[in-house]
């Protein structure tokens, strides 16, 4: 798969609506009664400006410099929400300002969100301002709602929208996931900044669920949870390009899954810098059925990461249906993956950095030796299917990975559980019996010009193959 072929969607679908129009009518939110004092609730004023803009066949809703507190707003077709430099939209810290009665139920998690859109066309968020959810644990407790309901709001939730642009803007501090798009088409992220790290639990960066024709480029993404996460709770993620981005996360930089009902097809990731990801860098997971295929990943620099590559075919079988009789999904498939030109430094997680996630209330003990959990997080390449269901046709070439070592002779005898139905996180398998790569239930796996090294002694084997057909190490 070549990027030039995958990028055809950009030429066909995207260019006509990415260009900003200087002649669009402008609706200043201050003219609708907005007050930039950082205290007044401006939901009604901002929504009135959006509604007026939409009623006039579209235009620009301008947010001048200042601090505007808002609750849930709905963005509508042909509306551009444009933030001046110095403009800040601040999420209300009162959950009552996030009503859900007029929103679709969320396919995963709760429905609350700060900015919402459904079935909208030609919508755009742009500018040099900030959208800050202010979603700290002080105001939004984890699982603190009625009967244990976790009602922490997302920052952005768009459902079934087309021609969507995110340009500029810094997004900060969601209480739950950050930017969540479901079943959207023809989407462009350009020069977006997210600052979600160490704010709260589950602070994903960009979540794309069942989206098609997406370009993410020139973005700086810091997330507490998965930074760029492709999901497919119903429909496949298809025709997606991620390029020229800087990415870091407390968990994964780029993850496919765990929601994988529809699969992931034709994805191209290139020329990204990935850093400070202690639970892993790239995770390709298909555990709920669907196909994961035609994936190209190239030109990545990784520093201070955990497991560099985790490819997992499993049989959790979730259908994401609220119907109890919907039945379990059959096992899916993973094939045709090409990963090239990667340089990675795998490290043991820095305990002081881990403790910066203040909401986790971690206790630091710098005197204690390296734990088995810390070693597991800094594990090798792991490619694993399940018995009688192989991962196939994976090529790794021009790869150089440096590992921390520290594996013991006892670790080399560790038995790796199948864990076929379990939530797929690599370190759940424990310390693997190899330090460079562990490959199981797979076929047609090729390592070409792959260099694996350790910085400290390691008593384990470099590579272990278990039920693998046609492995080539050239």
Protein backbone atom coordinates (compact mmCIF):
# COMPACT_ATOMS: atom_id res chain seq x y z
CA UNK A 1 0.00 0.00 0.00
CA UNK A 2 1.35 3.40 -0.98
CA UNK A 3 0.54 6.65 0.70
CA UNK A 4 -0.04 8.31 -2.69
CA UNK A 5 -2.88 5.88 -3.38
CA UNK A 6 -4.40 6.24 0.08
CA UNK A 7 -4.16 10.02 -0.16
CA UNK A 8 -6.52 10.15 -3.15
CA UNK A 9 -9.40 10.75 -0.74
CA UNK A 10 -7.71 14.01 0.26
CA UNK A 11 -7.76 15.29 -3.32
CA UNK A 12 -11.26 14.03 -4.08
CA UNK A 13 -13.08 14.88 -0.87
CA UNK A 14 -11.08 17.26 1.24
CA UNK A 15 -9.50 20.10 -0.69
CA UNK A 16 -12.80 21.79 -1.66
CA UNK A 17 -13.78 22.41 1.96
CA UNK A 18 -10.43 22.82 3.73
CA UNK A 19 -9.78 26.23 2.27
CA UNK A 20 -11.07 28.92 4.60
CA UNK A 21 -13.41 31.46 3.06
CA UNK A 22 -12.58 35.07 3.88
CA UNK A 23 -16.07 36.20 2.73
CA UNK A 24 -18.16 34.17 5.18
CA UNK A 25 -20.48 36.12 7.46
CA UNK A 26 -19.10 36.54 10.97
CA UNK A 27 -21.19 36.13 14.14
CA UNK A 28 -19.38 37.56 17.17
CA UNK A 29 -20.50 35.79 20.34
CA UNK A 30 -20.24 39.05 22.29
CA UNK A 31 -23.08 40.40 20.15
CA UNK A 32 -25.22 37.56 21.52
CA UNK A 33 -24.54 38.43 25.15
CA UNK A 34 -21.36 36.49 25.91
CA UNK A 35 -19.34 37.81 28.86
CA UNK A 36 -15.62 37.02 29.02
CA UNK A 37 -15.12 37.16 32.77
CA UNK A 38 -14.23 33.51 33.41
CA UNK A 39 -17.30 33.10 35.65
CA UNK A 40 -20.52 33.79 33.74
CA UNK A 41 -22.08 30.77 32.04
CA UNK A 42 -22.16 31.55 28.30
CA UNK A 43 -23.78 28.39 26.94
CA UNK A 44 -26.92 30.21 25.77
CA UNK A 45 -24.98 33.06 24.13
CA UNK A 46 -22.65 30.77 22.22
CA UNK A 47 -25.47 28.46 21.17
CA UNK A 48 -27.52 31.44 19.96
CA UNK A 49 -24.60 32.57 17.79
CA UNK A 50 -24.24 29.06 16.34
CA UNK A 51 -27.97 28.80 15.67
CA UNK A 52 -28.05 32.20 13.95
CA UNK A 53 -25.03 31.31 11.82
CA UNK A 54 -26.61 28.01 10.80
CA UNK A 55 -29.92 29.70 9.97
CA UNK A 56 -28.13 32.10 7.61
CA UNK A 57 -26.69 29.18 5.58
CA UNK A 58 -23.43 29.16 7.50
CA UNK A 59 -20.51 31.35 8.36
CA UNK A 60 -18.04 31.98 11.18
CA UNK A 61 -18.86 32.11 14.87
CA UNK A 62 -16.08 34.25 16.31
CA UNK A 63 -14.83 33.93 19.89
CA UNK A 64 -12.76 37.03 20.74
CA UNK A 65 -10.00 37.03 23.34
CA UNK A 66 -11.23 36.36 26.85
CA UNK A 67 -12.38 33.56 29.15
CA UNK A 68 -15.84 32.17 28.39
CA UNK A 69 -17.37 29.49 30.61
CA UNK A 70 -19.74 27.13 28.77
CA UNK A 71 -21.65 23.89 29.19
CA UNK A 72 -22.72 21.60 26.36
CA UNK A 73 -23.12 23.28 22.95
CA UNK A 74 -24.17 21.80 19.60
CA UNK A 75 -22.22 22.66 16.49
CA UNK A 76 -24.31 22.66 13.30
CA UNK A 77 -23.82 22.34 9.54
CA UNK A 78 -21.78 24.97 7.70
CA UNK A 79 -20.64 26.58 10.95
CA UNK A 80 -17.01 27.44 11.68
CA UNK A 81 -16.19 27.98 15.35
CA UNK A 82 -13.17 30.30 15.26
CA UNK A 83 -11.17 31.25 18.36
CA UNK A 84 -8.98 34.35 18.38
CA UNK A 85 -5.56 34.28 19.97
CA UNK A 86 -6.20 34.67 23.69
CA UNK A 87 -9.70 33.22 23.50
CA UNK A 88 -10.53 30.44 25.95
CA UNK A 89 -13.66 28.31 26.10
CA UNK A 90 -13.73 26.90 29.62
CA UNK A 91 -15.85 23.89 30.46
CA UNK A 92 -18.22 24.39 33.35
CA UNK A 93 -17.23 22.55 36.50
CA UNK A 94 -20.90 21.74 37.26
CA UNK A 95 -22.10 18.45 35.75
CA UNK A 96 -25.63 19.90 35.58
CA UNK A 97 -24.41 22.08 32.68
CA UNK A 98 -23.88 18.94 30.54
CA UNK A 99 -27.43 17.75 29.78
CA UNK A 100 -27.84 14.64 27.61
CA UNK A 101 -31.57 14.49 26.88
CA UNK A 102 -31.10 15.81 23.31
CA UNK A 103 -27.92 13.82 22.58
CA UNK A 104 -27.61 10.36 21.12
CA UNK A 105 -26.58 7.70 23.63
CA UNK A 106 -22.85 7.10 23.40
CA UNK A 107 -21.88 3.78 21.87
CA UNK A 108 -19.11 3.50 24.44
CA UNK A 109 -19.08 5.24 27.80
CA UNK A 110 -21.35 8.06 28.85
CA UNK A 111 -23.08 10.69 26.71
CA UNK A 112 -21.90 13.89 28.42
CA UNK A 113 -19.65 16.18 26.37
CA UNK A 114 -18.68 19.83 26.00
CA UNK A 115 -19.03 20.29 22.22
CA UNK A 116 -21.41 18.01 20.32
CA UNK A 117 -22.54 17.54 16.72
CA UNK A 118 -24.58 14.93 14.88
CA UNK A 119 -25.43 14.51 11.17
CA UNK A 120 -23.68 17.82 10.45
CA UNK A 121 -21.88 18.78 7.23
CA UNK A 122 -19.05 21.25 6.69
CA UNK A 123 -18.15 22.01 10.29
CA UNK A 124 -14.87 23.49 11.39
CA UNK A 125 -13.05 24.30 14.63
CA UNK A 126 -10.17 26.69 14.01
CA UNK A 127 -7.96 29.36 15.46
CA UNK A 128 -5.24 30.07 17.99
CA UNK A 129 -7.35 29.85 21.11
CA UNK A 130 -7.87 27.18 23.77
CA UNK A 131 -10.71 24.82 24.63
CA UNK A 132 -10.18 23.71 28.22
CA UNK A 133 -12.52 21.14 29.73
CA UNK A 134 -11.27 21.83 33.28
CA UNK A 135 -12.11 18.19 33.94
CA UNK A 136 -10.11 17.58 37.08
CA UNK A 137 -10.99 14.93 39.70
CA UNK A 138 -11.89 17.79 42.03
CA UNK A 139 -15.03 18.47 40.00
CA UNK A 140 -15.67 15.19 38.16
CA UNK A 141 -15.20 12.08 40.25
CA UNK A 142 -14.55 8.77 38.55
CA UNK A 143 -17.74 6.62 38.79
CA UNK A 144 -19.36 9.17 41.06
CA UNK A 145 -22.73 9.49 39.32
CA UNK A 146 -26.08 7.94 40.28
CA UNK A 147 -25.88 4.18 40.91
CA UNK A 148 -22.19 4.23 40.02
CA UNK A 149 -22.74 5.95 36.64
CA UNK A 150 -19.53 7.60 35.46
CA UNK A 151 -20.75 10.89 33.99
CA UNK A 152 -17.43 12.59 33.30
CA UNK A 153 -17.86 14.61 30.08
CA UNK A 154 -15.80 14.20 26.93
CA UNK A 155 -14.36 17.34 25.41
CA UNK A 156 -15.65 16.76 21.84
CA UNK A 157 -18.17 14.20 20.51
CA UNK A 158 -19.20 14.24 16.85
CA UNK A 159 -21.52 11.54 15.46
CA UNK A 160 -22.15 10.79 11.75
CA UNK A 161 -20.73 14.08 10.50
CA UNK A 162 -19.08 14.75 7.13
CA UNK A 163 -16.46 17.25 6.02
CA UNK A 164 -15.07 18.05 9.43
CA UNK A 165 -11.96 20.18 10.00
CA UNK A 166 -9.88 20.73 13.14
CA UNK A 167 -7.30 23.46 12.47
CA UNK A 168 -5.11 24.93 15.17
CA UNK A 169 -6.68 25.31 18.65
CA UNK A 170 -5.16 23.83 21.80
CA UNK A 171 -7.38 21.33 23.62
CA UNK A 172 -6.83 20.79 27.34
CA UNK A 173 -7.98 18.87 30.39
CA UNK A 174 -10.99 16.70 29.52
CA UNK A 175 -12.66 14.83 32.36
CA UNK A 176 -12.89 11.70 30.16
CA UNK A 177 -11.91 11.16 26.50
CA UNK A 178 -10.73 14.13 24.50
CA UNK A 179 -11.78 14.36 20.83
CA UNK A 180 -14.14 11.52 19.89
CA UNK A 181 -15.51 11.08 16.36
CA UNK A 182 -18.00 8.30 15.58
CA UNK A 183 -18.91 7.23 12.01
CA UNK A 184 -17.59 10.49 10.54
CA UNK A 185 -16.25 10.90 6.99
CA UNK A 186 -13.81 13.24 5.29
CA UNK A 187 -12.04 14.58 8.35
CA UNK A 188 -8.89 16.72 8.56
CA UNK A 189 -6.80 17.46 11.66
CA UNK A 190 -4.08 20.05 11.06
CA UNK A 191 -1.74 21.71 13.59
CA UNK A 192 -3.90 20.62 16.53
CA UNK A 193 -2.38 20.57 20.03
CA UNK A 194 -3.72 18.43 22.88
CA UNK A 195 -2.59 18.65 26.49
CA UNK A 196 -4.42 15.85 28.29
CA UNK A 197 -1.63 14.17 30.21
CA UNK A 198 -1.88 13.63 33.99
CA UNK A 199 -5.25 15.36 34.27
CA UNK A 200 -7.66 12.48 34.97
CA UNK A 201 -8.27 8.82 34.10
CA UNK A 202 -9.08 7.80 30.49
CA UNK A 203 -7.86 11.01 28.88
CA UNK A 204 -7.51 9.74 25.30
CA UNK A 205 -6.28 12.20 22.70
CA UNK A 206 -8.07 11.58 19.37
CA UNK A 207 -10.51 8.65 19.17
CA UNK A 208 -11.80 7.69 15.73
CA UNK A 209 -14.61 5.12 15.82
CA UNK A 210 -15.74 3.78 12.45
CA UNK A 211 -14.42 6.84 10.58
CA UNK A 212 -13.41 7.01 6.90
CA UNK A 213 -11.14 9.28 4.90
CA UNK A 214 -9.23 10.93 7.75
CA UNK A 215 -6.00 12.91 7.59
CA UNK A 216 -4.16 13.76 10.83
CA UNK A 217 -1.04 15.85 10.21
CA UNK A 218 1.34 18.26 11.91
CA UNK A 219 -0.27 17.73 15.31
CA UNK A 220 1.30 17.75 18.79
CA UNK A 221 -0.58 15.24 20.90
CA UNK A 222 -0.01 14.61 24.59
CA UNK A 223 -2.52 12.27 26.21
CA UNK A 224 -3.03 10.54 29.51
CA UNK A 225 -4.49 7.46 27.85
CA UNK A 226 -4.15 6.39 24.20
CA UNK A 227 -3.00 9.36 22.14
CA UNK A 228 -4.44 8.38 18.74
CA UNK A 229 -6.90 5.52 19.07
CA UNK A 230 -8.76 3.89 16.19
CA UNK A 231 -11.91 2.07 17.26
CA UNK A 232 -14.58 0.16 15.34
CA UNK A 233 -17.51 -0.55 17.62
CA UNK A 234 -19.76 -1.00 14.54
CA UNK A 235 -18.22 0.20 11.27
CA UNK A 236 -14.61 -0.13 10.10
CA UNK A 237 -12.00 2.59 10.28
CA UNK A 238 -10.91 2.94 6.67
CA UNK A 239 -8.54 5.12 4.64
CA UNK A 240 -6.71 6.95 7.41
CA UNK A 241 -3.40 8.82 7.23
CA UNK A 242 -1.41 9.92 10.29
CA UNK A 243 1.77 11.81 9.46
CA UNK A 244 4.27 14.40 10.69
CA UNK A 245 3.03 14.33 14.29
CA UNK A 246 4.67 14.47 17.72
CA UNK A 247 2.95 12.04 20.09
CA UNK A 248 3.29 11.04 23.73
CA UNK A 249 1.06 9.20 26.20
CA UNK A 250 0.98 7.46 29.56
CA UNK A 251 -0.24 4.37 27.68
CA UNK A 252 -0.01 4.02 23.87
CA UNK A 253 0.99 6.50 21.20
CA UNK A 254 -1.10 4.84 18.48
CA UNK A 255 -3.60 2.06 19.11
CA UNK A 256 -6.09 0.14 16.99
CA UNK A 257 -8.83 -1.26 19.26
CA UNK A 258 -9.77 -2.49 21.64
CA UNK A 259 -13.18 -1.93 20.02
CA UNK A 260 -12.67 -3.88 16.81
CA UNK A 261 -16.06 -5.15 15.63
CA UNK A 262 -15.78 -3.53 12.19
CA UNK A 263 -12.00 -3.68 11.72
CA UNK A 264 -9.29 -1.40 10.36
CA UNK A 265 -8.49 -1.22 6.65
CA UNK A 266 -5.99 0.88 4.69
CA UNK A 267 -4.12 2.84 7.35
CA UNK A 268 -0.88 4.72 6.71
CA UNK A 269 1.28 6.13 9.54
CA UNK A 270 4.53 7.91 8.72
CA UNK A 271 7.19 10.36 9.88
CA UNK A 272 6.18 10.73 13.51
CA UNK A 273 8.17 11.30 16.70
CA UNK A 274 6.88 9.16 19.59
CA UNK A 275 8.20 9.78 23.11
CA UNK A 276 7.44 9.08 26.77
CA UNK A 277 5.02 6.19 26.27
CA UNK A 278 5.79 3.78 29.15
CA UNK A 279 3.04 1.27 28.33
CA UNK A 280 3.92 0.88 24.67
CA UNK A 281 4.20 2.74 21.38
CA UNK A 282 2.22 0.98 18.62
CA UNK A 283 -0.62 -1.45 19.44
CA UNK A 284 -2.55 -3.16 16.64
CA UNK A 285 -5.39 -5.15 18.18
CA UNK A 286 -8.33 -7.01 16.70
CA UNK A 287 -10.28 -8.93 19.34
CA UNK A 288 -13.97 -8.41 18.49
CA UNK A 289 -14.12 -9.71 14.93
CA UNK A 290 -13.52 -7.57 11.86
CA UNK A 291 -10.46 -7.35 9.63
CA UNK A 292 -7.22 -5.55 10.40
CA UNK A 293 -5.33 -5.37 7.12
CA UNK A 294 -3.34 -3.25 4.69
CA UNK A 295 -1.42 -1.30 7.33
CA UNK A 296 1.71 0.70 6.51
CA UNK A 297 3.84 2.20 9.30
CA UNK A 298 7.14 3.92 8.48
CA UNK A 299 9.70 6.54 9.49
CA UNK A 300 9.12 6.59 13.23
CA UNK A 301 11.52 7.74 15.92
CA UNK A 302 10.69 6.40 19.39
CA UNK A 303 12.34 7.51 22.62
CA UNK A 304 11.57 6.42 26.18
CA UNK A 305 8.85 3.96 25.23
CA UNK A 306 7.65 0.64 26.59
CA UNK A 307 6.88 -2.32 24.31
CA UNK A 308 7.54 -0.90 20.82
CA UNK A 309 5.10 -3.05 18.84
CA UNK A 310 2.18 -5.20 19.99
CA UNK A 311 0.06 -7.04 17.40
CA UNK A 312 -2.75 -9.07 18.93
CA UNK A 313 -5.52 -11.19 17.41
CA UNK A 314 -7.91 -12.30 20.16
CA UNK A 315 -11.39 -13.61 20.81
CA UNK A 316 -13.06 -11.25 23.27
CA UNK A 317 -16.01 -11.06 20.85
CA UNK A 318 -17.75 -7.91 22.07
CA UNK A 319 -20.57 -6.71 19.82
CA UNK A 320 -21.16 -3.36 21.57
CA UNK A 321 -24.89 -3.97 21.39
CA UNK A 322 -27.24 -3.26 24.25
CA UNK A 323 -29.27 -6.31 23.21
CA UNK A 324 -28.47 -9.25 25.44
CA UNK A 325 -29.22 -11.78 22.68
CA UNK A 326 -27.01 -10.15 20.04
CA UNK A 327 -24.51 -13.02 20.24
CA UNK A 328 -20.74 -13.13 20.32
CA UNK A 329 -18.68 -12.02 17.35
CA UNK A 330 -16.51 -14.61 15.54
CA UNK A 331 -12.72 -14.24 15.51
CA UNK A 332 -11.47 -11.67 13.01
CA UNK A 333 -8.23 -11.54 11.04
CA UNK A 334 -4.92 -9.65 10.90
CA UNK A 335 -2.80 -9.61 7.74
CA UNK A 336 -0.77 -7.49 5.35
CA UNK A 337 1.21 -5.27 7.72
CA UNK A 338 4.37 -3.49 6.59
CA UNK A 339 6.48 -1.69 9.21
CA UNK A 340 9.74 -0.02 8.16
CA UNK A 341 12.40 2.52 9.06
CA UNK A 342 11.89 2.53 12.82
CA UNK A 343 14.41 3.55 15.46
CA UNK A 344 13.31 2.89 19.05
CA UNK A 345 14.68 3.15 22.57
CA UNK A 346 12.77 0.96 25.05
CA UNK A 347 13.17 1.93 28.71
CA UNK A 348 11.99 0.94 32.16
CA UNK A 349 9.29 3.37 33.24
CA UNK A 350 10.60 6.36 35.18
CA UNK A 351 8.88 6.28 38.57
CA UNK A 352 9.05 10.01 39.15
CA UNK A 353 7.39 10.64 35.78
CA UNK A 354 4.73 8.05 36.55
CA UNK A 355 3.91 9.86 39.80
CA UNK A 356 3.14 13.07 37.90
CA UNK A 357 -0.26 11.57 37.21
CA UNK A 358 -1.30 13.05 40.55
CA UNK A 359 -4.83 11.65 40.41
CA UNK A 360 -3.40 8.10 40.65
CA UNK A 361 -1.74 8.93 43.97
CA UNK A 362 1.27 6.72 43.25
CA UNK A 363 3.88 6.25 45.94
CA UNK A 364 7.46 6.54 44.76
CA UNK A 365 10.10 4.18 46.10
CA UNK A 366 13.39 4.85 44.35
CA UNK A 367 15.22 2.32 46.51
CA UNK A 368 13.29 -0.69 45.27
CA UNK A 369 14.77 -2.71 42.41
CA UNK A 370 13.14 -3.13 39.01
CA UNK A 371 9.81 -4.89 39.44
CA UNK A 372 8.38 -7.63 37.23
CA UNK A 373 5.58 -5.27 36.17
CA UNK A 374 8.08 -2.64 35.11
CA UNK A 375 10.00 -5.23 33.09
CA UNK A 376 6.76 -6.44 31.48
CA UNK A 377 5.90 -2.92 30.31
CA UNK A 378 9.34 -2.63 28.70
CA UNK A 379 8.88 -5.89 26.84
CA UNK A 380 9.84 -7.00 23.34
CA UNK A 381 7.98 -6.91 20.05
CA UNK A 382 4.99 -9.18 20.56
CA UNK A 383 3.02 -10.67 17.66
CA UNK A 384 0.44 -13.20 18.77
CA UNK A 385 -2.70 -14.77 17.43
CA UNK A 386 -4.59 -17.60 19.08
CA UNK A 387 -4.54 -21.37 18.42
CA UNK A 388 -5.80 -22.10 14.89
CA UNK A 389 -6.20 -18.38 14.15
CA UNK A 390 -2.93 -17.01 12.79
CA UNK A 391 -1.72 -13.50 12.19
CA UNK A 392 -0.29 -13.48 8.66
CA UNK A 393 1.94 -11.59 6.25
CA UNK A 394 3.83 -9.18 8.49
CA UNK A 395 7.03 -7.53 7.21
CA UNK A 396 9.38 -5.59 9.47
CA UNK A 397 12.35 -4.00 7.72
CA UNK A 398 15.03 -1.46 8.52
CA UNK A 399 14.32 -1.57 12.23
CA UNK A 400 16.71 -0.79 15.10
CA UNK A 401 15.49 -1.28 18.67
CA UNK A 402 17.51 -0.92 21.87
CA UNK A 403 16.15 -2.68 24.99
CA UNK A 404 17.02 -2.12 28.66
CA UNK A 405 17.81 -5.78 29.41
CA UNK A 406 17.58 -7.00 33.05
CA UNK A 407 15.89 -10.29 32.15
CA UNK A 408 16.84 -13.18 34.44
CA UNK A 409 17.29 -16.89 33.89
CA UNK A 410 14.06 -17.39 35.80
CA UNK A 411 12.28 -15.02 33.38
CA UNK A 412 13.47 -17.14 30.45
CA UNK A 413 11.35 -20.02 31.78
CA UNK A 414 8.14 -17.98 32.09
CA UNK A 415 5.05 -19.62 30.59
CA UNK A 416 2.96 -17.20 28.50
CA UNK A 417 -0.78 -17.65 28.98
CA UNK A 418 -3.02 -17.53 25.92
CA UNK A 419 -5.54 -15.15 27.56
CA UNK A 420 -7.71 -15.46 24.46
CA UNK A 421 -10.70 -13.48 25.76
CA UNK A 422 -8.98 -11.00 28.03
CA UNK A 423 -8.67 -7.27 27.42
CA UNK A 424 -5.52 -7.06 25.29
CA UNK A 425 -2.72 -5.20 27.03
CA UNK A 426 0.78 -6.53 26.41
CA UNK A 427 2.10 -6.27 29.95
CA UNK A 428 -0.83 -8.45 31.13
CA UNK A 429 1.16 -11.39 29.70
CA UNK A 430 3.86 -10.70 32.27
CA UNK A 431 7.60 -10.75 31.62
CA UNK A 432 8.05 -12.60 28.35
CA UNK A 433 10.73 -15.30 28.00
CA UNK A 434 12.49 -13.37 25.20
CA UNK A 435 13.86 -9.84 25.20
CA UNK A 436 13.73 -8.89 21.50
CA UNK A 437 10.62 -10.49 19.95
CA UNK A 438 7.99 -13.02 20.97
CA UNK A 439 5.94 -14.42 18.07
CA UNK A 440 3.16 -16.97 18.45
CA UNK A 441 0.35 -18.37 16.26
CA UNK A 442 1.56 -16.55 13.17
CA UNK A 443 2.70 -17.25 9.62
CA UNK A 444 4.70 -15.50 6.92
CA UNK A 445 6.54 -13.18 9.30
CA UNK A 446 9.66 -11.51 7.87
CA UNK A 447 12.35 -9.54 9.70
CA UNK A 448 14.56 -7.82 7.12
CA UNK A 449 17.49 -5.75 8.36
CA UNK A 450 16.10 -5.80 11.90
CA UNK A 451 18.68 -5.05 14.60
CA UNK A 452 17.80 -5.78 18.22
CA UNK A 453 20.19 -4.97 21.10
CA UNK A 454 20.28 -4.69 24.89
CA UNK A 455 22.00 -2.05 26.99
CA UNK A 456 22.33 -4.36 30.01
CA UNK A 457 22.74 -8.10 30.41
CA UNK A 458 19.70 -10.26 29.70
CA UNK A 459 19.54 -14.00 30.28
CA UNK A 460 16.59 -14.55 27.95
CA UNK A 461 16.71 -15.48 24.26
CA UNK A 462 16.52 -12.68 21.73
CA UNK A 463 13.63 -14.19 19.74
CA UNK A 464 11.17 -16.94 20.60
CA UNK A 465 8.84 -18.53 18.03
CA UNK A 466 5.86 -20.60 19.16
CA UNK A 467 3.58 -22.16 16.52
CA UNK A 468 4.98 -20.00 13.74
CA UNK A 469 5.02 -20.95 10.05
CA UNK A 470 7.54 -19.47 7.62
CA UNK A 471 9.55 -17.02 9.71
CA UNK A 472 12.42 -15.31 7.87
CA UNK A 473 15.12 -13.28 9.61
CA UNK A 474 17.25 -11.73 6.89
